[in-house]
Amino acid sequence: MTSRGGLTLFVRYLRNIALYPVLERLFGSIRKSAKGQPVSEIFKQVFCFLWDGTSRHLVYFDALKKDEGYAAALETDPEQMLSSHAVKRFFGAFS
C-alpha cells in the first residue's frame, strides 16, 4: 500500500465483513442523542485514522476534516468527517 491508496480497500473490507452492524449493536447505546454521526461512521473513521498512521495525535482529525481527498478515500461525504472534539467526546463516553 502506498500513501492512502489502501484506505479505500480497507473501508470496503470492513463493510464486507459486516463489522458495522456488530459495532452498532454493541456500542449504539453510547450515543445520548440522534444528532451527530452514527457509531459505525465514527468507528470507520477512527479505524482508518489508526490504519493510516500519519499522525498519532487526535487533533489531526481537524486537518483530515478539511481534506476532501481523504474523505473520498473513506467513501464519506466531506460534511460527515469528524473533528477532534467529536472523537474526544466519543472516547470520553467509554468512561
PDB file of N, CA and C in Angstrom:
ATOM      1  N   MET A   1       0.839  -1.173   0.000  1.00  0.00           N
ATOM      2  CA  MET A   1       0.000   0.000   0.000  1.00  0.00           C
ATOM      3  C   MET A   1       0.885   1.237   0.000  1.00  0.00           C
ATOM      4  N   THR A   2       0.568   2.132  -0.853  1.00  0.00           N
ATOM      5  CA  THR A   2       1.320   3.372  -0.907  1.00  0.00           C
ATOM      6  C   THR A   2       0.411   4.520  -0.518  1.00  0.00           C
ATOM      7  N   SER A   3       0.955   5.433   0.222  1.00  0.00           N
ATOM      8  CA  SER A   3       0.239   6.611   0.687  1.00  0.00           C
ATOM      9  C   SER A   3      -1.098   6.196   1.301  1.00  0.00           C
ATOM     10  N   ARG A   4      -2.185   6.740   0.802  1.00  0.00           N
ATOM     11  CA  ARG A   4      -3.501   6.418   1.359  1.00  0.00           C
ATOM     12  C   ARG A   4      -4.322   5.584   0.391  1.00  0.00           C
ATOM     13  N   GLY A   5      -3.683   5.029  -0.614  1.00  0.00           N
ATOM     14  CA  GLY A   5      -4.396   4.248  -1.612  1.00  0.00           C
ATOM     15  C   GLY A   5      -5.080   3.023  -1.045  1.00  0.00           C
ATOM     16  N   GLY A   6      -4.547   2.465   0.004  1.00  0.00           N
ATOM     17  CA  GLY A   6      -5.130   1.272   0.591  1.00  0.00           C
ATOM     18  C   GLY A   6      -6.307   1.528   1.506  1.00  0.00           C
ATOM     19  N   LEU A   7      -6.572   2.786   1.826  1.00  0.00           N
ATOM     20  CA  LEU A   7      -7.680   3.076   2.745  1.00  0.00           C
ATOM     21  C   LEU A   7      -9.026   2.681   2.156  1.00  0.00           C
ATOM     22  N   THR A   8      -9.204   2.893   0.864  1.00  0.00           N
ATOM     23  CA  THR A   8     -10.470   2.530   0.237  1.00  0.00           C
ATOM     24  C   THR A   8     -10.693   1.023   0.321  1.00  0.00           C
ATOM     25  N   LEU A   9      -9.633   0.259   0.074  1.00  0.00           N
ATOM     26  CA  LEU A   9      -9.751  -1.196   0.194  1.00  0.00           C
ATOM     27  C   LEU A   9     -10.053  -1.605   1.631  1.00  0.00           C
ATOM     28  N   PHE A  10      -9.436  -0.934   2.579  1.00  0.00           N
ATOM     29  CA  PHE A  10      -9.668  -1.221   3.990  1.00  0.00           C
ATOM     30  C   PHE A  10     -11.114  -0.917   4.376  1.00  0.00           C
ATOM     31  N   VAL A  11     -11.651   0.209   3.896  1.00  0.00           N
ATOM     32  CA  VAL A  11     -13.043   0.580   4.186  1.00  0.00           C
ATOM     33  C   VAL A  11     -13.993  -0.459   3.598  1.00  0.00           C
ATOM     34  N   ARG A  12     -13.735  -0.877   2.374  1.00  0.00           N
ATOM     35  CA  ARG A  12     -14.597  -1.887   1.746  1.00  0.00           C
ATOM     36  C   ARG A  12     -14.498  -3.225   2.463  1.00  0.00           C
ATOM     37  N   TYR A  13     -13.311  -3.559   2.935  1.00  0.00           N
ATOM     38  CA  TYR A  13     -13.132  -4.798   3.698  1.00  0.00           C
ATOM     39  C   TYR A  13     -13.971  -4.757   4.972  1.00  0.00           C
ATOM     40  N   LEU A  14     -13.903  -3.640   5.694  1.00  0.00           N
ATOM     41  CA  LEU A  14     -14.686  -3.521   6.933  1.00  0.00           C
ATOM     42  C   LEU A  14     -16.181  -3.639   6.651  1.00  0.00           C
ATOM     43  N   ARG A  15     -16.611  -3.047   5.544  1.00  0.00           N
ATOM     44  CA  ARG A  15     -18.034  -3.123   5.182  1.00  0.00           C
ATOM     45  C   ARG A  15     -18.418  -4.550   4.790  1.00  0.00           C
ATOM     46  N   ASN A  16     -17.567  -5.231   4.028  1.00  0.00           N
ATOM     47  CA  ASN A  16     -17.907  -6.562   3.528  1.00  0.00           C
ATOM     48  C   ASN A  16     -17.866  -7.652   4.595  1.00  0.00           C
ATOM     49  N   ILE A  17     -17.125  -7.453   5.665  1.00  0.00           N
ATOM     50  CA  ILE A  17     -17.138  -8.449   6.739  1.00  0.00           C
ATOM     51  C   ILE A  17     -18.268  -8.186   7.729  1.00  0.00           C
ATOM     52  N   ALA A  18     -19.093  -7.206   7.411  1.00  0.00           N
ATOM     53  CA  ALA A  18     -20.279  -6.862   8.212  1.00  0.00           C
ATOM     54  C   ALA A  18     -19.911  -6.490   9.649  1.00  0.00           C
ATOM     55  N   LEU A  19     -18.865  -5.698   9.786  1.00  0.00           N
ATOM     56  CA  LEU A  19     -18.437  -5.249  11.104  1.00  0.00           C
ATOM     57  C   LEU A  19     -19.323  -4.128  11.645  1.00  0.00           C
ATOM     58  N   TYR A  20     -19.818  -3.270  10.773  1.00  0.00           N
ATOM     59  CA  TYR A  20     -20.576  -2.103  11.219  1.00  0.00           C
ATOM     60  C   TYR A  20     -21.863  -2.451  11.969  1.00  0.00           C
ATOM     61  N   PRO A  21     -22.666  -3.423  11.526  1.00  0.00           N
ATOM     62  CA  PRO A  21     -23.858  -3.765  12.322  1.00  0.00           C
ATOM     63  C   PRO A  21     -23.507  -4.290  13.720  1.00  0.00           C
ATOM     64  N   VAL A  22     -22.406  -5.004  13.826  1.00  0.00           N
ATOM     65  CA  VAL A  22     -21.978  -5.505  15.136  1.00  0.00           C
ATOM     66  C   VAL A  22     -21.590  -4.343  16.044  1.00  0.00           C
ATOM     67  N   LEU A  23     -20.859  -3.373  15.492  1.00  0.00           N
ATOM     68  CA  LEU A  23     -20.464  -2.196  16.280  1.00  0.00           C
ATOM     69  C   LEU A  23     -21.683  -1.383  16.700  1.00  0.00           C
ATOM     70  N   GLU A  24     -22.655  -1.254  15.802  1.00  0.00           N
ATOM     71  CA  GLU A  24     -23.887  -0.528  16.145  1.00  0.00           C
ATOM     72  C   GLU A  24     -24.622  -1.233  17.277  1.00  0.00           C
ATOM     73  N   ARG A  25     -24.659  -2.554  17.237  1.00  0.00           N
ATOM     74  CA  ARG A  25     -25.359  -3.317  18.269  1.00  0.00           C
ATOM     75  C   ARG A  25     -24.649  -3.204  19.613  1.00  0.00           C
ATOM     76  N   LEU A  26     -23.323  -3.287  19.597  1.00  0.00           N
ATOM     77  CA  LEU A  26     -22.563  -3.271  20.842  1.00  0.00           C
ATOM     78  C   LEU A  26     -22.400  -1.875  21.439  1.00  0.00           C
ATOM     79  N   PHE A  27     -22.207  -0.874  20.579  1.00  0.00           N
ATOM     80  CA  PHE A  27     -21.873   0.461  21.074  1.00  0.00           C
ATOM     81  C   PHE A  27     -22.910   1.524  20.722  1.00  0.00           C
ATOM     82  N   GLY A  28     -24.012   1.139  20.127  1.00  0.00           N
ATOM     83  CA  GLY A  28     -25.038   2.107  19.743  1.00  0.00           C
ATOM     84  C   GLY A  28     -25.637   2.848  20.913  1.00  0.00           C
ATOM     85  N   SER A  29     -25.619   2.223  22.084  1.00  0.00           N
ATOM     86  CA  SER A  29     -26.211   2.860  23.273  1.00  0.00           C
ATOM     87  C   SER A  29     -25.318   3.964  23.841  1.00  0.00           C
ATOM     88  N   ILE A  30     -24.102   4.093  23.350  1.00  0.00           N
ATOM     89  CA  ILE A  30     -23.203   5.144  23.839  1.00  0.00           C
ATOM     90  C   ILE A  30     -23.721   6.521  23.444  1.00  0.00           C
ATOM     91  N   ARG A  31     -24.347   6.594  22.286  1.00  0.00           N
ATOM     92  CA  ARG A  31     -24.867   7.886  21.817  1.00  0.00           C
ATOM     93  C   ARG A  31     -26.029   8.320  22.685  1.00  0.00           C
ATOM     94  N   LYS A  32     -25.988   9.549  23.128  1.00  0.00           N
ATOM     95  CA  LYS A  32     -27.035  10.061  24.004  1.00  0.00           C
ATOM     96  C   LYS A  32     -28.155  10.743  23.222  1.00  0.00           C
ATOM     97  N   SER A  33     -27.879  11.136  21.971  1.00  0.00           N
ATOM     98  CA  SER A  33     -28.906  11.746  21.133  1.00  0.00           C
ATOM     99  C   SER A  33     -28.716  11.264  19.698  1.00  0.00           C
ATOM    100  N   ALA A  34     -29.723  11.494  18.884  1.00  0.00           N
ATOM    101  CA  ALA A  34     -29.668  11.052  17.487  1.00  0.00           C
ATOM    102  C   ALA A  34     -28.853  12.005  16.620  1.00  0.00           C
ATOM    103  N   LYS A  35     -28.472  13.148  17.171  1.00  0.00           N
ATOM    104  CA  LYS A  35     -27.668  14.094  16.406  1.00  0.00           C
ATOM    105  C   LYS A  35     -26.245  13.564  16.277  1.00  0.00           C
ATOM    106  N   GLY A  36     -25.569  14.029  15.271  1.00  0.00           N
ATOM    107  CA  GLY A  36     -24.188  13.598  15.080  1.00  0.00           C
ATOM    108  C   GLY A  36     -24.090  12.384  14.185  1.00  0.00           C
ATOM    109  N   GLN A  37     -22.922  11.799  14.171  1.00  0.00           N
ATOM    110  CA  GLN A  37     -22.629  10.677  13.290  1.00  0.00           C
ATOM    111  C   GLN A  37     -23.042   9.345  13.918  1.00  0.00           C
ATOM    112  N   PRO A  38     -23.424   8.386  13.078  1.00  0.00           N
ATOM    113  CA  PRO A  38     -23.690   7.045  13.615  1.00  0.00           C
ATOM    114  C   PRO A  38     -22.407   6.419  14.174  1.00  0.00           C
ATOM    115  N   VAL A  39     -22.568   5.506  15.088  1.00  0.00           N
ATOM    116  CA  VAL A  39     -21.422   4.861  15.721  1.00  0.00           C
ATOM    117  C   VAL A  39     -20.554   4.154  14.683  1.00  0.00           C
ATOM    118  N   SER A  40     -21.177   3.555  13.687  1.00  0.00           N
ATOM    119  CA  SER A  40     -20.404   2.855  12.658  1.00  0.00           C
ATOM    120  C   SER A  40     -19.520   3.826  11.873  1.00  0.00           C
ATOM    121  N   GLU A  41     -20.004   5.027  11.601  1.00  0.00           N
ATOM    122  CA  GLU A  41     -19.211   6.025  10.881  1.00  0.00           C
ATOM    123  C   GLU A  41     -18.039   6.503  11.740  1.00  0.00           C
ATOM    124  N   ILE A  42     -18.269   6.664  13.017  1.00  0.00           N
ATOM    125  CA  ILE A  42     -17.197   7.083  13.917  1.00  0.00           C
ATOM    126  C   ILE A  42     -16.108   6.019  13.972  1.00  0.00           C
ATOM    127  N   PHE A  43     -16.518   4.766  14.137  1.00  0.00           N
ATOM    128  CA  PHE A  43     -15.537   3.689  14.177  1.00  0.00           C
ATOM    129  C   PHE A  43     -14.784   3.580  12.855  1.00  0.00           C
ATOM    130  N   LYS A  44     -15.480   3.747  11.743  1.00  0.00           N
ATOM    131  CA  LYS A  44     -14.822   3.674  10.437  1.00  0.00           C
ATOM    132  C   LYS A  44     -13.715   4.715  10.334  1.00  0.00           C
ATOM    133  N   GLN A  45     -14.007   5.937  10.733  1.00  0.00           N
ATOM    134  CA  GLN A  45     -13.011   6.994  10.640  1.00  0.00           C
ATOM    135  C   GLN A  45     -11.866   6.786  11.631  1.00  0.00           C
ATOM    136  N   VAL A  46     -12.171   6.280  12.810  1.00  0.00           N
ATOM    137  CA  VAL A  46     -11.120   6.015  13.795  1.00  0.00           C
ATOM    138  C   VAL A  46     -10.236   4.862  13.325  1.00  0.00           C
ATOM    139  N   PHE A  47     -10.843   3.800  12.811  1.00  0.00           N
ATOM    140  CA  PHE A  47     -10.051   2.673  12.295  1.00  0.00           C
ATOM    141  C   PHE A  47      -9.139   3.123  11.159  1.00  0.00           C
ATOM    142  N   CYS A  48      -9.665   3.941  10.257  1.00  0.00           N
ATOM    143  CA  CYS A  48      -8.850   4.420   9.137  1.00  0.00           C
ATOM    144  C   CYS A  48      -7.745   5.352   9.621  1.00  0.00           C
ATOM    145  N   PHE A  49      -8.026   6.149  10.628  1.00  0.00           N
ATOM    146  CA  PHE A  49      -7.009   7.015  11.221  1.00  0.00           C
ATOM    147  C   PHE A  49      -5.863   6.181  11.779  1.00  0.00           C
ATOM    148  N   LEU A  50      -6.207   5.103  12.474  1.00  0.00           N
ATOM    149  CA  LEU A  50      -5.184   4.225  13.044  1.00  0.00           C
ATOM    150  C   LEU A  50      -4.445   3.457  11.952  1.00  0.00           C
ATOM    151  N   TRP A  51      -5.160   3.003  10.940  1.00  0.00           N
ATOM    152  CA  TRP A  51      -4.555   2.259   9.839  1.00  0.00           C
ATOM    153  C   TRP A  51      -3.610   3.146   9.042  1.00  0.00           C
ATOM    154  N   ASP A  52      -4.008   4.391   8.818  1.00  0.00           N
ATOM    155  CA  ASP A  52      -3.198   5.342   8.053  1.00  0.00           C
ATOM    156  C   ASP A  52      -1.871   5.617   8.756  1.00  0.00           C
ATOM    157  N   GLY A  53      -1.913   5.913  10.028  1.00  0.00           N
ATOM    158  CA  GLY A  53      -0.706   6.097  10.820  1.00  0.00           C
ATOM    159  C   GLY A  53       0.075   7.367  10.531  1.00  0.00           C
ATOM    160  N   THR A  54      -0.512   8.314   9.814  1.00  0.00           N
ATOM    161  CA  THR A  54       0.188   9.556   9.506  1.00  0.00           C
ATOM    162  C   THR A  54       0.501  10.346  10.767  1.00  0.00           C
ATOM    163  N   SER A  55      -0.425  10.341  11.709  1.00  0.00           N
ATOM    164  CA  SER A  55      -0.241  11.075  12.955  1.00  0.00           C
ATOM    165  C   SER A  55      -0.789  10.240  14.107  1.00  0.00           C
ATOM    166  N   ARG A  56      -0.224  10.464  15.285  1.00  0.00           N
ATOM    167  CA  ARG A  56      -0.710   9.776  16.478  1.00  0.00           C
ATOM    168  C   ARG A  56      -1.573  10.689  17.338  1.00  0.00           C
ATOM    169  N   HIS A  57      -1.792  11.914  16.908  1.00  0.00           N
ATOM    170  CA  HIS A  57      -2.489  12.912  17.713  1.00  0.00           C
ATOM    171  C   HIS A  57      -3.925  13.082  17.229  1.00  0.00           C
ATOM    172  N   LEU A  58      -4.859  13.113  18.160  1.00  0.00           N
ATOM    173  CA  LEU A  58      -6.265  13.246  17.798  1.00  0.00           C
ATOM    174  C   LEU A  58      -6.578  14.579  17.135  1.00  0.00           C
ATOM    175  N   VAL A  59      -5.792  15.609  17.406  1.00  0.00           N
ATOM    176  CA  VAL A  59      -6.049  16.906  16.774  1.00  0.00           C
ATOM    177  C   VAL A  59      -5.861  16.836  15.257  1.00  0.00           C
ATOM    178  N   TYR A  60      -5.223  15.775  14.773  1.00  0.00           N
ATOM    179  CA  TYR A  60      -5.044  15.608  13.331  1.00  0.00           C
ATOM    180  C   TYR A  60      -6.381  15.364  12.626  1.00  0.00           C
ATOM    181  N   PHE A  61      -7.414  14.971  13.380  1.00  0.00           N
ATOM    182  CA  PHE A  61      -8.743  14.823  12.787  1.00  0.00           C
ATOM    183  C   PHE A  61      -9.228  16.158  12.213  1.00  0.00           C
ATOM    184  N   ASP A  62      -8.813  17.280  12.806  1.00  0.00           N
ATOM    185  CA  ASP A  62      -9.213  18.586  12.284  1.00  0.00           C
ATOM    186  C   ASP A  62      -8.631  18.831  10.898  1.00  0.00           C
ATOM    187  N   ALA A  63      -7.394  18.404  10.673  1.00  0.00           N
ATOM    188  CA  ALA A  63      -6.779  18.542   9.348  1.00  0.00           C
ATOM    189  C   ALA A  63      -7.435  17.580   8.354  1.00  0.00           C
ATOM    190  N   LEU A  64      -7.760  16.376   8.808  1.00  0.00           N
ATOM    191  CA  LEU A  64      -8.401  15.405   7.924  1.00  0.00           C
ATOM    192  C   LEU A  64      -9.802  15.838   7.539  1.00  0.00           C
ATOM    193  N   LYS A  65     -10.458  16.561   8.441  1.00  0.00           N
ATOM    194  CA  LYS A  65     -11.811  17.050   8.159  1.00  0.00           C
ATOM    195  C   LYS A  65     -11.820  17.989   6.957  1.00  0.00           C
ATOM    196  N   LYS A  66     -10.741  18.714   6.748  1.00  0.00           N
ATOM    197  CA  LYS A  66     -10.641  19.665   5.634  1.00  0.00           C
ATOM    198  C   LYS A  66     -10.153  19.015   4.341  1.00  0.00           C
ATOM    199  N   ASP A  67      -9.685  17.777   4.410  1.00  0.00           N
ATOM    200  CA  ASP A  67      -9.091  17.098   3.261  1.00  0.00           C
ATOM    201  C   ASP A  67     -10.158  16.300   2.508  1.00  0.00           C
ATOM    202  N   GLU A  68     -10.607  16.841   1.374  1.00  0.00           N
ATOM    203  CA  GLU A  68     -11.654  16.178   0.602  1.00  0.00           C
ATOM    204  C   GLU A  68     -11.161  14.879  -0.026  1.00  0.00           C
ATOM    205  N   GLY A  69      -9.878  14.793  -0.342  1.00  0.00           N
ATOM    206  CA  GLY A  69      -9.315  13.572  -0.891  1.00  0.00           C
ATOM    207  C   GLY A  69      -9.350  12.431   0.112  1.00  0.00           C
ATOM    208  N   TYR A  70      -9.070  12.744   1.366  1.00  0.00           N
ATOM    209  CA  TYR A  70      -9.133  11.739   2.430  1.00  0.00           C
ATOM    210  C   TYR A  70     -10.569  11.272   2.616  1.00  0.00           C
ATOM    211  N   ALA A  71     -11.516  12.217   2.578  1.00  0.00           N
ATOM    212  CA  ALA A  71     -12.930  11.858   2.713  1.00  0.00           C
ATOM    213  C   ALA A  71     -13.365  10.948   1.569  1.00  0.00           C
ATOM    214  N   ALA A  72     -12.884  11.227   0.364  1.00  0.00           N
ATOM    215  CA  ALA A  72     -13.224  10.379  -0.777  1.00  0.00           C
ATOM    216  C   ALA A  72     -12.625   8.989  -0.627  1.00  0.00           C
ATOM    217  N   ALA A  73     -11.423   8.897  -0.093  1.00  0.00           N
ATOM    218  CA  ALA A  73     -10.796   7.585   0.125  1.00  0.00           C
ATOM    219  C   ALA A  73     -11.582   6.770   1.145  1.00  0.00           C
ATOM    220  N   LEU A  74     -12.198   7.437   2.108  1.00  0.00           N
ATOM    221  CA  LEU A  74     -13.002   6.764   3.121  1.00  0.00           C
ATOM    222  C   LEU A  74     -14.440   6.539   2.660  1.00  0.00           C
ATOM    223  N   GLU A  75     -14.758   7.012   1.447  1.00  0.00           N
ATOM    224  CA  GLU A  75     -16.115   6.927   0.900  1.00  0.00           C
ATOM    225  C   GLU A  75     -17.117   7.588   1.840  1.00  0.00           C
ATOM    226  N   THR A  76     -16.744   8.780   2.299  1.00  0.00           N
ATOM    227  CA  THR A  76     -17.545   9.556   3.241  1.00  0.00           C
ATOM    228  C   THR A  76     -17.732  10.961   2.690  1.00  0.00           C
ATOM    229  N   ASP A  77     -18.917  11.532   2.876  1.00  0.00           N
ATOM    230  CA  ASP A  77     -19.125  12.922   2.479  1.00  0.00           C
ATOM    231  C   ASP A  77     -18.232  13.819   3.318  1.00  0.00           C
ATOM    232  N   PRO A  78     -17.640  14.856   2.720  1.00  0.00           N
ATOM    233  CA  PRO A  78     -16.774  15.754   3.498  1.00  0.00           C
ATOM    234  C   PRO A  78     -17.482  16.388   4.696  1.00  0.00           C
ATOM    235  N   GLU A  79     -18.803  16.571   4.605  1.00  0.00           N
ATOM    236  CA  GLU A  79     -19.547  17.155   5.719  1.00  0.00           C
ATOM    237  C   GLU A  79     -19.646  16.197   6.899  1.00  0.00           C
ATOM    238  N   GLN A  80     -19.444  14.904   6.670  1.00  0.00           N
ATOM    239  CA  GLN A  80     -19.561  13.910   7.728  1.00  0.00           C
ATOM    240  C   GLN A  80     -18.231  13.585   8.395  1.00  0.00           C
ATOM    241  N   MET A  81     -17.168  14.234   7.984  1.00  0.00           N
ATOM    242  CA  MET A  81     -15.871  13.975   8.607  1.00  0.00           C
ATOM    243  C   MET A  81     -15.886  14.490  10.044  1.00  0.00           C
ATOM    244  N   LEU A  82     -15.256  13.742  10.924  1.00  0.00           N
ATOM    245  CA  LEU A  82     -15.247  14.066  12.351  1.00  0.00           C
ATOM    246  C   LEU A  82     -14.188  15.104  12.692  1.00  0.00           C
ATOM    247  N   SER A  83     -14.482  15.897  13.680  1.00  0.00           N
ATOM    248  CA  SER A  83     -13.487  16.814  14.234  1.00  0.00           C
ATOM    249  C   SER A  83     -12.813  16.121  15.416  1.00  0.00           C
ATOM    250  N   SER A  84     -11.710  16.676  15.858  1.00  0.00           N
ATOM    251  CA  SER A  84     -11.015  16.093  17.008  1.00  0.00           C
ATOM    252  C   SER A  84     -11.894  16.171  18.255  1.00  0.00           C
ATOM    253  N   HIS A  85     -12.691  17.215  18.346  1.00  0.00           N
ATOM    254  CA  HIS A  85     -13.566  17.367  19.511  1.00  0.00           C
ATOM    255  C   HIS A  85     -14.611  16.248  19.551  1.00  0.00           C
ATOM    256  N   ALA A  86     -15.168  15.901  18.393  1.00  0.00           N
ATOM    257  CA  ALA A  86     -16.168  14.830  18.332  1.00  0.00           C
ATOM    258  C   ALA A  86     -15.548  13.489  18.714  1.00  0.00           C
ATOM    259  N   VAL A  87     -14.326  13.247  18.279  1.00  0.00           N
ATOM    260  CA  VAL A  87     -13.656  11.986  18.606  1.00  0.00           C
ATOM    261  C   VAL A  87     -13.355  11.923  20.103  1.00  0.00           C
ATOM    262  N   LYS A  88     -12.916  13.028  20.678  1.00  0.00           N
ATOM    263  CA  LYS A  88     -12.631  13.055  22.110  1.00  0.00           C
ATOM    264  C   LYS A  88     -13.899  12.831  22.930  1.00  0.00           C
ATOM    265  N   ARG A  89     -15.023  13.421  22.498  1.00  0.00           N
ATOM    266  CA  ARG A  89     -16.306  13.195  23.177  1.00  0.00           C
ATOM    267  C   ARG A  89     -16.714  11.731  23.094  1.00  0.00           C
ATOM    268  N   PHE A  90     -16.491  11.137  21.918  1.00  0.00           N
ATOM    269  CA  PHE A  90     -16.848   9.732  21.740  1.00  0.00           C
ATOM    270  C   PHE A  90     -16.015   8.839  22.667  1.00  0.00           C
ATOM    271  N   PHE A  91     -14.712   9.069  22.706  1.00  0.00           N
ATOM    272  CA  PHE A  91     -13.855   8.270  23.590  1.00  0.00           C
ATOM    273  C   PHE A  91     -14.188   8.529  25.052  1.00  0.00           C
ATOM    274  N   GLY A  92     -14.592   9.758  25.383  1.00  0.00           N
ATOM    275  CA  GLY A  92     -14.968  10.085  26.751  1.00  0.00           C
ATOM    276  C   GLY A  92     -16.223   9.366  27.209  1.00  0.00           C
ATOM    277  N   ALA A  93     -17.062   8.960  26.262  1.00  0.00           N
ATOM    278  CA  ALA A  93     -18.300   8.257  26.610  1.00  0.00           C
ATOM    279  C   ALA A  93     -18.025   6.845  27.129  1.00  0.00           C
ATOM    280  N   PHE A  94     -16.825   6.325  26.899  1.00  0.00           N
ATOM    281  CA  PHE A  94     -16.489   4.982  27.364  1.00  0.00           C
ATOM    282  C   PHE A  94     -16.180   4.937  28.855  1.00  0.00           C
ATOM    283  N   SER A  95     -15.884   6.078  29.458  1.00  0.00           N
ATOM    284  CA  SER A  95     -15.514   6.052  30.877  1.00  0.00           C
ATOM    285  C   SER A  95     -16.718   6.096  31.783  1.00  0.00           C
TER     286      SER A  95
END
